[in-house]
Each structure stands twice: as C-alpha cells, then as structure tokens.
Amino acid sequence: MVTVDEAVIAKLKTRGQNFEVLVDCSSAIAVRERRTVNMKDVLAASKVFTDAKKGLEASENAMKQIFHTADAEEVAKQIILKGDLQLTSEYRNNLRENKRKQIINMIHRNGVDPTTHAPHPVNRIENALEEVKFHVDEFTSVEEQLQDALKKLKPIIPIKFEVKEIAVKIGPEYAAKAYSTVKKYGRILREEWQNNGYWVAVVEMPGGIEEEFYEKVNSICHGEVEAKVLKTK
C-alpha cells in the first residue's frame, strides 16, 4: 500500500458532488488500463473523501446515491475510471514517452514492408509518427493505441504485420546452448532431438525480427545452423 505522503488524488465531480481518493500513480493507471489490480495496492487509505486534503469523508448515503454502493474500494475504482488523476507534468511526460517507445518497438518487431518483407527501421517509424502528429495517451494501453498508430501510419509507410514459421536445424555442439535463445525469439511449434544429436524445430515469430533472429543464432552457433522460412501469415 502506498503511503498518504506519496499518494496523488483521483477525483470525480458528478451531480454537483465531489468525490476523491488517495492513490498510487502506477497502480491507478493500471486500473485505467483495465488491468487486474488489487485495490488495496492502489489506495493509500480505504476511504472516499469530499476533500482529501482536509480529510473530509464522503457519506455512505452520498456514495450509495451516486455509485449504488458504499464500498470504498468499488467507489474508488469508479472514481479512477471516470474521473481525473492528478499527475505531475513530468510523470505524465515520462508515461507518454515510455508508451511511445513501446508502440514503436511493437511496430518494428511485428511490422514489415509488404513488398520487401523487411522490417521498418525504428527511426523511420519515429519520423512517420511525428509526421502524422500521433498523440500518445498516457492512460490508454499500448495495445489499444497500436491499432490507431497503424491506421495513421499506413498512408505514409506501407506496413503489414506478419508472422513467420521458421525451420531451424542446429548441430549437437551448439544445440543446447542455442535452445533458450530460439525460445526467446518465438513460440516453438514443433521440435525433435535427432539420434545424431541435431536439434530441429519449427519456430513461430513476428516477421520484423527474422533478420535479428538469424544474426543472434548464427553468432551462438558460429554459422553452424540451417534456417528457412516455411510459412508467412
């Protein structure tokens, strides 16, 4: 539980009445993003106020009238979802920047040029987002904003999200060492340890990281690896 001194105020004004709760910034944002969060970790105090700074608590009758419950945690959740979260400008800017980087990384890893099937460089995606004046919302999840970003980018740069199935064959000298790396890059659909010690597998991964995958596995296996694309979807 966050301390009162570290908490910020989430407030909702509705039907002429004011309701406030003291919350942890990060946990409250998780609530806004519809992630599963224990409300005990969100609230600095299990109370609903009309004025948190003065310590004036909201009445049960008022909460029941507006929120149809007097349960402080349930009321707090509604206040966070529907109201305003008082964050500092620095905190808001940091949130937006972190989410912007996540969106760019997801597009870079998953998206390719449909003509060349090559990933778009990070700086190209960054420049295109600036060109279309894409605004990152600090309270909306990365996954939700990704689709909006793609919609705005497609008139500027051609993007297609691809998933590739890649067959891999690694010799006995490097197979065990390379296994964890292969698993990190994608989902192993099929695998087999052959009698001669070779490990063969089919791995599904985002199309944008194909070349990065080849480079990494080759560096581990010193070129003693065979890999080819079986399917693109």
C-alpha atoms as a PDB file:
ATOM      1  CA  MET A   1       0.000   0.000   0.000  1.00  0.00           C
ATOM      2  CA  VAL A   2       1.293   3.444  -0.918  1.00  0.00           C
ATOM      3  CA  THR A   3       1.698   5.962   1.898  1.00  0.00           C
ATOM      4  CA  VAL A   4      -0.518   9.036   2.120  1.00  0.00           C
ATOM      5  CA  ASP A   5       2.502  11.295   1.576  1.00  0.00           C
ATOM      6  CA  GLU A   6       3.388   9.526  -1.699  1.00  0.00           C
ATOM      7  CA  ALA A   7      -0.192   9.308  -2.986  1.00  0.00           C
ATOM      8  CA  VAL A   8      -1.887  11.522  -5.544  1.00  0.00           C
ATOM      9  CA  ILE A   9      -5.554  12.458  -5.723  1.00  0.00           C
ATOM     10  CA  ALA A  10      -8.067  10.889  -8.101  1.00  0.00           C
ATOM     11  CA  LYS A  11     -11.254  12.935  -8.183  1.00  0.00           C
ATOM     12  CA  LEU A  12     -14.681  12.807  -9.769  1.00  0.00           C
ATOM     13  CA  LYS A  13     -17.243  15.604  -9.747  1.00  0.00           C
ATOM     14  CA  THR A  14     -20.718  14.422 -10.612  1.00  0.00           C
ATOM     15  CA  ARG A  15     -24.280  15.593  -9.905  1.00  0.00           C
ATOM     16  CA  GLY A  16     -22.859  18.581  -8.064  1.00  0.00           C
ATOM     17  CA  GLN A  17     -20.893  16.455  -5.620  1.00  0.00           C
ATOM     18  CA  ASN A  18     -17.142  15.909  -5.280  1.00  0.00           C
ATOM     19  CA  PHE A  19     -15.503  12.544  -4.542  1.00  0.00           C
ATOM     20  CA  GLU A  20     -11.780  11.974  -4.039  1.00  0.00           C
ATOM     21  CA  VAL A  21      -9.448   9.075  -3.180  1.00  0.00           C
ATOM     22  CA  LEU A  22      -5.720   8.918  -2.460  1.00  0.00           C
ATOM     23  CA  VAL A  23      -3.976   6.545  -4.848  1.00  0.00           C
ATOM     24  CA  ASP A  24      -0.638   5.221  -6.050  1.00  0.00           C
ATOM     25  CA  CYS A  25       0.108   6.639  -9.524  1.00  0.00           C
ATOM     26  CA  SER A  26       1.247   3.447 -11.265  1.00  0.00           C
ATOM     27  CA  SER A  27      -1.464   1.249  -9.756  1.00  0.00           C
ATOM     28  CA  ALA A  28      -4.200   3.755 -10.598  1.00  0.00           C
ATOM     29  CA  ILE A  29      -3.036   3.856 -14.210  1.00  0.00           C
ATOM     30  CA  ALA A  30      -3.174   0.052 -14.272  1.00  0.00           C
ATOM     31  CA  VAL A  31      -6.821   0.336 -13.188  1.00  0.00           C
ATOM     32  CA  ARG A  32      -7.447   2.851 -16.007  1.00  0.00           C
ATOM     33  CA  GLU A  33      -5.947   0.362 -18.453  1.00  0.00           C
ATOM     34  CA  ARG A  34      -8.363  -2.322 -17.212  1.00  0.00           C
ATOM     35  CA  ARG A  35      -5.570  -4.483 -15.831  1.00  0.00           C
ATOM     36  CA  THR A  36      -6.231  -6.710 -12.831  1.00  0.00           C
ATOM     37  CA  VAL A  37      -5.053  -4.880  -9.737  1.00  0.00           C
ATOM     38  CA  ASN A  38      -5.646  -5.423  -6.035  1.00  0.00           C
ATOM     39  CA  MET A  39      -7.337  -2.220  -4.875  1.00  0.00           C
ATOM     40  CA  LYS A  40      -5.521  -2.493  -1.554  1.00  0.00           C
ATOM     41  CA  ASP A  41      -2.324  -1.779  -3.523  1.00  0.00           C
ATOM     42  CA  VAL A  42      -3.971   1.179  -5.230  1.00  0.00           C
ATOM     43  CA  LEU A  43      -5.333   3.082  -2.254  1.00  0.00           C
ATOM     44  CA  ALA A  44      -3.322   4.930   0.368  1.00  0.00           C
ATOM     45  CA  ALA A  45      -6.433   4.922   2.558  1.00  0.00           C
ATOM     46  CA  SER A  46      -9.580   2.831   2.201  1.00  0.00           C
ATOM     47  CA  LYS A  47     -11.713   5.937   2.396  1.00  0.00           C
ATOM     48  CA  VAL A  48     -13.584   8.168  -0.020  1.00  0.00           C
ATOM     49  CA  PHE A  49     -13.389  11.904   0.609  1.00  0.00           C
ATOM     50  CA  THR A  50     -15.189  15.019  -0.491  1.00  0.00           C
ATOM     51  CA  ASP A  51     -11.906  16.853   0.140  1.00  0.00           C
ATOM     52  CA  ALA A  52      -8.883  14.600   0.624  1.00  0.00           C
ATOM     53  CA  LYS A  53      -6.542  17.422   1.673  1.00  0.00           C
ATOM     54  CA  LYS A  54      -8.859  18.418   4.505  1.00  0.00           C
ATOM     55  CA  GLY A  55      -9.689  14.818   5.378  1.00  0.00           C
ATOM     56  CA  LEU A  56     -13.423  15.320   4.837  1.00  0.00           C
ATOM     57  CA  GLU A  57     -15.029  11.936   4.173  1.00  0.00           C
ATOM     58  CA  ALA A  58     -17.953  11.320   1.843  1.00  0.00           C
ATOM     59  CA  SER A  59     -21.114   9.997   3.445  1.00  0.00           C
ATOM     60  CA  GLU A  60     -22.363   6.484   2.783  1.00  0.00           C
ATOM     61  CA  ASN A  61     -25.684   7.904   1.621  1.00  0.00           C
ATOM     62  CA  ALA A  62     -23.983  10.104  -0.977  1.00  0.00           C
ATOM     63  CA  MET A  63     -21.923   7.167  -2.270  1.00  0.00           C
ATOM     64  CA  LYS A  64     -24.956   4.900  -2.497  1.00  0.00           C
ATOM     65  CA  GLN A  65     -26.891   7.616  -4.324  1.00  0.00           C
ATOM     66  CA  ILE A  66     -24.160   8.181  -6.941  1.00  0.00           C
ATOM     67  CA  PHE A  67     -22.308   4.856  -7.143  1.00  0.00           C
ATOM     68  CA  HIS A  68     -25.022   2.468  -5.880  1.00  0.00           C
ATOM     69  CA  THR A  69     -22.594   1.137  -3.254  1.00  0.00           C
ATOM     70  CA  ALA A  70     -20.845   2.403  -0.139  1.00  0.00           C
ATOM     71  CA  ASP A  71     -17.896   0.016  -0.576  1.00  0.00           C
ATOM     72  CA  ALA A  72     -14.833   2.283  -0.634  1.00  0.00           C
ATOM     73  CA  GLU A  73     -12.796   0.090  -2.991  1.00  0.00           C
ATOM     74  CA  GLU A  74     -15.597  -0.188  -5.547  1.00  0.00           C
ATOM     75  CA  VAL A  75     -16.297   3.539  -5.372  1.00  0.00           C
ATOM     76  CA  ALA A  76     -12.576   4.268  -5.716  1.00  0.00           C
ATOM     77  CA  LYS A  77     -12.397   2.121  -8.828  1.00  0.00           C
ATOM     78  CA  GLN A  78     -15.234   4.085 -10.440  1.00  0.00           C
ATOM     79  CA  ILE A  79     -13.603   7.394  -9.490  1.00  0.00           C
ATOM     80  CA  ILE A  80     -10.318   6.302 -11.083  1.00  0.00           C
ATOM     81  CA  LEU A  81     -12.015   5.055 -14.253  1.00  0.00           C
ATOM     82  CA  LYS A  82     -14.314   8.033 -14.772  1.00  0.00           C
ATOM     83  CA  GLY A  83     -12.561  10.907 -13.046  1.00  0.00           C
ATOM     84  CA  ASP A  84      -9.319  12.868 -13.176  1.00  0.00           C
ATOM     85  CA  LEU A  85      -5.967  11.601 -11.937  1.00  0.00           C
ATOM     86  CA  GLN A  86      -3.728  14.404 -10.700  1.00  0.00           C
ATOM     87  CA  LEU A  87      -0.279  13.579 -12.039  1.00  0.00           C
ATOM     88  CA  THR A  88       2.714  15.884 -12.316  1.00  0.00           C
ATOM     89  CA  SER A  89       3.674  17.069 -15.803  1.00  0.00           C
ATOM     90  CA  GLU A  90       6.967  15.174 -15.517  1.00  0.00           C
ATOM     91  CA  TYR A  91       5.197  11.932 -14.625  1.00  0.00           C
ATOM     92  CA  ARG A  92       2.727  12.348 -17.500  1.00  0.00           C
ATOM     93  CA  ASN A  93       5.553  13.061 -19.961  1.00  0.00           C
ATOM     94  CA  ASN A  94       7.504  10.013 -18.807  1.00  0.00           C
ATOM     95  CA  LEU A  95       4.424   7.814 -19.199  1.00  0.00           C
ATOM     96  CA  ARG A  96       3.781   9.087 -22.712  1.00  0.00           C
ATOM     97  CA  GLU A  97       7.417   8.643 -23.736  1.00  0.00           C
ATOM     98  CA  ASN A  98       7.578   5.084 -22.399  1.00  0.00           C
ATOM     99  CA  LYS A  99       4.389   4.141 -24.216  1.00  0.00           C
ATOM    100  CA  ARG A 100       5.587   5.822 -27.420  1.00  0.00           C
ATOM    101  CA  LYS A 101       8.740   3.680 -27.307  1.00  0.00           C
ATOM    102  CA  GLN A 102       6.685   0.538 -26.715  1.00  0.00           C
ATOM    103  CA  ILE A 103       4.412   1.308 -29.679  1.00  0.00           C
ATOM    104  CA  ILE A 104       7.410   1.952 -31.949  1.00  0.00           C
ATOM    105  CA  ASN A 105       9.096  -1.260 -30.790  1.00  0.00           C
ATOM    106  CA  MET A 106       5.953  -3.324 -31.392  1.00  0.00           C
ATOM    107  CA  ILE A 107       5.626  -1.949 -34.930  1.00  0.00           C
ATOM    108  CA  HIS A 108       9.320  -2.539 -35.611  1.00  0.00           C
ATOM    109  CA  ARG A 109       9.210  -6.140 -34.330  1.00  0.00           C
ATOM    110  CA  ASN A 110       5.919  -7.178 -35.892  1.00  0.00           C
ATOM    111  CA  GLY A 111       5.519  -4.986 -38.966  1.00  0.00           C
ATOM    112  CA  VAL A 112       7.247  -5.331 -42.316  1.00  0.00           C
ATOM    113  CA  ASP A 113       7.153  -3.655 -45.704  1.00  0.00           C
ATOM    114  CA  PRO A 114       4.677  -5.904 -47.601  1.00  0.00           C
ATOM    115  CA  THR A 115       6.756  -5.565 -50.795  1.00  0.00           C
ATOM    116  CA  THR A 116      10.190  -6.416 -49.412  1.00  0.00           C
ATOM    117  CA  HIS A 117       9.074  -8.253 -46.235  1.00  0.00           C
ATOM    118  CA  ALA A 118      11.814  -6.319 -44.429  1.00  0.00           C
ATOM    119  CA  PRO A 119      11.186  -4.565 -41.096  1.00  0.00           C
ATOM    120  CA  HIS A 120      10.950  -0.791 -41.000  1.00  0.00           C
ATOM    121  CA  PRO A 121      13.865   0.865 -39.146  1.00  0.00           C
ATOM    122  CA  VAL A 122      12.987   2.398 -35.794  1.00  0.00           C
ATOM    123  CA  ASN A 123      13.895   5.924 -36.919  1.00  0.00           C
ATOM    124  CA  ARG A 124      11.588   5.637 -39.945  1.00  0.00           C
ATOM    125  CA  ILE A 125       8.682   4.700 -37.668  1.00  0.00           C
ATOM    126  CA  GLU A 126       9.549   7.538 -35.267  1.00  0.00           C
ATOM    127  CA  ASN A 127       9.667  10.096 -38.066  1.00  0.00           C
ATOM    128  CA  ALA A 128       6.404   8.866 -39.570  1.00  0.00           C
ATOM    129  CA  LEU A 129       4.610   9.098 -36.210  1.00  0.00           C
ATOM    130  CA  GLU A 130       5.813  12.679 -35.875  1.00  0.00           C
ATOM    131  CA  GLU A 131       4.688  13.448 -39.429  1.00  0.00           C
ATOM    132  CA  VAL A 132       1.152  12.234 -38.768  1.00  0.00           C
ATOM    133  CA  LYS A 133       1.202  14.020 -35.375  1.00  0.00           C
ATOM    134  CA  PHE A 134       0.300  10.855 -33.487  1.00  0.00           C
ATOM    135  CA  HIS A 135      -0.596  11.645 -29.878  1.00  0.00           C
ATOM    136  CA  VAL A 136       0.222   9.070 -27.221  1.00  0.00           C
ATOM    137  CA  ASP A 137      -2.288   8.924 -24.380  1.00  0.00           C
ATOM    138  CA  GLU A 138      -0.735   8.164 -21.009  1.00  0.00           C
ATOM    139  CA  PHE A 139      -3.905   6.472 -19.729  1.00  0.00           C
ATOM    140  CA  THR A 140      -4.668   4.186 -22.682  1.00  0.00           C
ATOM    141  CA  SER A 141      -2.940   0.814 -23.036  1.00  0.00           C
ATOM    142  CA  VAL A 142      -0.242   0.341 -25.662  1.00  0.00           C
ATOM    143  CA  GLU A 143      -2.265  -2.421 -27.318  1.00  0.00           C
ATOM    144  CA  GLU A 144      -5.269  -0.137 -27.823  1.00  0.00           C
ATOM    145  CA  GLN A 145      -3.165   2.713 -29.202  1.00  0.00           C
ATOM    146  CA  LEU A 146      -1.210   0.435 -31.543  1.00  0.00           C
ATOM    147  CA  GLN A 147      -4.138  -0.016 -33.922  1.00  0.00           C
ATOM    148  CA  ASP A 148      -4.707   3.742 -34.114  1.00  0.00           C
ATOM    149  CA  ALA A 149      -0.998   4.291 -34.789  1.00  0.00           C
ATOM    150  CA  LEU A 150      -1.031   1.732 -37.617  1.00  0.00           C
ATOM    151  CA  LYS A 151      -4.117   3.296 -39.179  1.00  0.00           C
ATOM    152  CA  LYS A 152      -2.409   6.688 -39.304  1.00  0.00           C
ATOM    153  CA  LEU A 153       0.949   5.325 -40.470  1.00  0.00           C
ATOM    154  CA  LYS A 154      -0.233   3.226 -43.414  1.00  0.00           C
ATOM    155  CA  PRO A 155      -0.807   6.200 -45.757  1.00  0.00           C
ATOM    156  CA  ILE A 156       2.803   7.267 -45.039  1.00  0.00           C
ATOM    157  CA  ILE A 157       4.681   3.959 -44.954  1.00  0.00           C
ATOM    158  CA  PRO A 158       3.399   0.542 -46.079  1.00  0.00           C
ATOM    159  CA  ILE A 159       3.109  -1.782 -43.089  1.00  0.00           C
ATOM    160  CA  LYS A 160       1.864  -5.315 -42.738  1.00  0.00           C
ATOM    161  CA  PHE A 161       2.009  -7.381 -39.578  1.00  0.00           C
ATOM    162  CA  GLU A 162       3.456 -10.776 -40.452  1.00  0.00           C
ATOM    163  CA  VAL A 163       4.055 -13.948 -38.500  1.00  0.00           C
ATOM    164  CA  LYS A 164       6.603 -16.410 -39.854  1.00  0.00           C
ATOM    165  CA  GLU A 165       7.181 -20.088 -39.271  1.00  0.00           C
ATOM    166  CA  ILE A 166      10.893 -20.785 -39.495  1.00  0.00           C
ATOM    167  CA  ALA A 167      12.502 -24.220 -39.591  1.00  0.00           C
ATOM    168  CA  VAL A 168      15.765 -24.430 -37.651  1.00  0.00           C
ATOM    169  CA  LYS A 169      18.398 -27.173 -37.548  1.00  0.00           C
ATOM    170  CA  ILE A 170      21.320 -26.897 -35.138  1.00  0.00           C
ATOM    171  CA  GLY A 171      24.181 -29.330 -34.648  1.00  0.00           C
ATOM    172  CA  PRO A 172      24.915 -31.140 -31.366  1.00  0.00           C
ATOM    173  CA  GLU A 173      27.822 -28.840 -30.434  1.00  0.00           C
ATOM    174  CA  TYR A 174      25.612 -25.761 -30.145  1.00  0.00           C
ATOM    175  CA  ALA A 175      22.035 -27.076 -29.851  1.00  0.00           C
ATOM    176  CA  ALA A 176      21.711 -26.945 -26.064  1.00  0.00           C
ATOM    177  CA  LYS A 177      23.334 -23.512 -25.899  1.00  0.00           C
ATOM    178  CA  ALA A 178      21.096 -22.060 -28.619  1.00  0.00           C
ATOM    179  CA  TYR A 179      17.840 -23.533 -27.351  1.00  0.00           C
ATOM    180  CA  SER A 180      16.996 -20.782 -24.850  1.00  0.00           C
ATOM    181  CA  THR A 181      17.762 -18.072 -27.437  1.00  0.00           C
ATOM    182  CA  VAL A 182      15.483 -19.637 -30.041  1.00  0.00           C
ATOM    183  CA  LYS A 183      12.722 -19.931 -27.452  1.00  0.00           C
ATOM    184  CA  LYS A 184      13.126 -16.254 -26.525  1.00  0.00           C
ATOM    185  CA  TYR A 185      12.517 -15.127 -30.109  1.00  0.00           C
ATOM    186  CA  GLY A 186       9.359 -17.091 -30.762  1.00  0.00           C
ATOM    187  CA  ARG A 187       6.991 -19.921 -29.968  1.00  0.00           C
ATOM    188  CA  ILE A 188       8.316 -23.407 -30.665  1.00  0.00           C
ATOM    189  CA  LEU A 189       5.590 -25.221 -32.590  1.00  0.00           C
ATOM    190  CA  ARG A 190       7.435 -28.492 -33.120  1.00  0.00           C
ATOM    191  CA  GLU A 191      10.816 -29.831 -32.070  1.00  0.00           C
ATOM    192  CA  GLU A 192      12.832 -33.014 -32.177  1.00  0.00           C
ATOM    193  CA  TRP A 193      16.179 -34.180 -30.841  1.00  0.00           C
ATOM    194  CA  GLN A 194      17.540 -36.494 -33.512  1.00  0.00           C
ATOM    195  CA  ASN A 195      19.651 -39.575 -32.875  1.00  0.00           C
ATOM    196  CA  ASN A 196      22.751 -37.837 -34.262  1.00  0.00           C
ATOM    197  CA  GLY A 197      22.394 -35.020 -31.689  1.00  0.00           C
ATOM    198  CA  TYR A 198      20.914 -32.440 -34.021  1.00  0.00           C
ATOM    199  CA  TRP A 199      18.019 -30.361 -32.771  1.00  0.00           C
ATOM    200  CA  VAL A 200      15.368 -29.470 -35.343  1.00  0.00           C
ATOM    201  CA  ALA A 201      12.401 -27.219 -34.683  1.00  0.00           C
ATOM    202  CA  VAL A 202       9.739 -25.030 -36.240  1.00  0.00           C
ATOM    203  CA  VAL A 203       9.503 -21.634 -34.564  1.00  0.00           C
ATOM    204  CA  GLU A 204       6.752 -19.039 -34.974  1.00  0.00           C
ATOM    205  CA  MET A 205       7.842 -15.418 -34.565  1.00  0.00           C
ATOM    206  CA  PRO A 206       6.979 -11.838 -35.592  1.00  0.00           C
ATOM    207  CA  GLY A 207       8.161 -11.123 -39.124  1.00  0.00           C
ATOM    208  CA  GLY A 208      10.045  -7.995 -38.164  1.00  0.00           C
ATOM    209  CA  ILE A 209      12.623  -9.831 -36.051  1.00  0.00           C
ATOM    210  CA  GLU A 210      13.550 -12.517 -38.594  1.00  0.00           C
ATOM    211  CA  GLU A 211      16.931 -10.986 -39.534  1.00  0.00           C
ATOM    212  CA  GLU A 212      17.745 -10.213 -35.911  1.00  0.00           C
ATOM    213  CA  PHE A 213      16.972 -13.852 -35.064  1.00  0.00           C
ATOM    214  CA  TYR A 214      19.305 -15.154 -37.774  1.00  0.00           C
ATOM    215  CA  GLU A 215      22.130 -12.896 -36.624  1.00  0.00           C
ATOM    216  CA  LYS A 216      21.750 -13.928 -32.988  1.00  0.00           C
ATOM    217  CA  VAL A 217      21.578 -17.672 -33.644  1.00  0.00           C
ATOM    218  CA  ASN A 218      24.476 -17.506 -36.102  1.00  0.00           C
ATOM    219  CA  SER A 219      26.611 -15.722 -33.527  1.00  0.00           C
ATOM    220  CA  ILE A 220      25.950 -18.500 -30.998  1.00  0.00           C
ATOM    221  CA  CYS A 221      26.411 -21.351 -33.465  1.00  0.00           C
ATOM    222  CA  HIS A 222      29.264 -19.703 -35.421  1.00  0.00           C
ATOM    223  CA  GLY A 223      27.355 -20.229 -38.638  1.00  0.00           C
ATOM    224  CA  GLU A 224      26.675 -23.927 -37.954  1.00  0.00           C
ATOM    225  CA  VAL A 225      22.910 -23.579 -38.280  1.00  0.00           C
ATOM    226  CA  GLU A 226      20.349 -24.072 -41.007  1.00  0.00           C
ATOM    227  CA  ALA A 227      17.195 -21.946 -41.090  1.00  0.00           C
ATOM    228  CA  LYS A 228      14.498 -21.244 -43.637  1.00  0.00           C
ATOM    229  CA  VAL A 229      11.027 -19.742 -43.739  1.00  0.00           C
ATOM    230  CA  LEU A 230       8.311 -22.360 -44.128  1.00  0.00           C
ATOM    231  CA  LYS A 231       5.267 -20.112 -43.998  1.00  0.00           C
ATOM    232  CA  THR A 232       4.348 -16.447 -43.802  1.00  0.00           C
ATOM    233  CA  LYS A 233       0.948 -15.443 -42.490  1.00  0.00           C
END
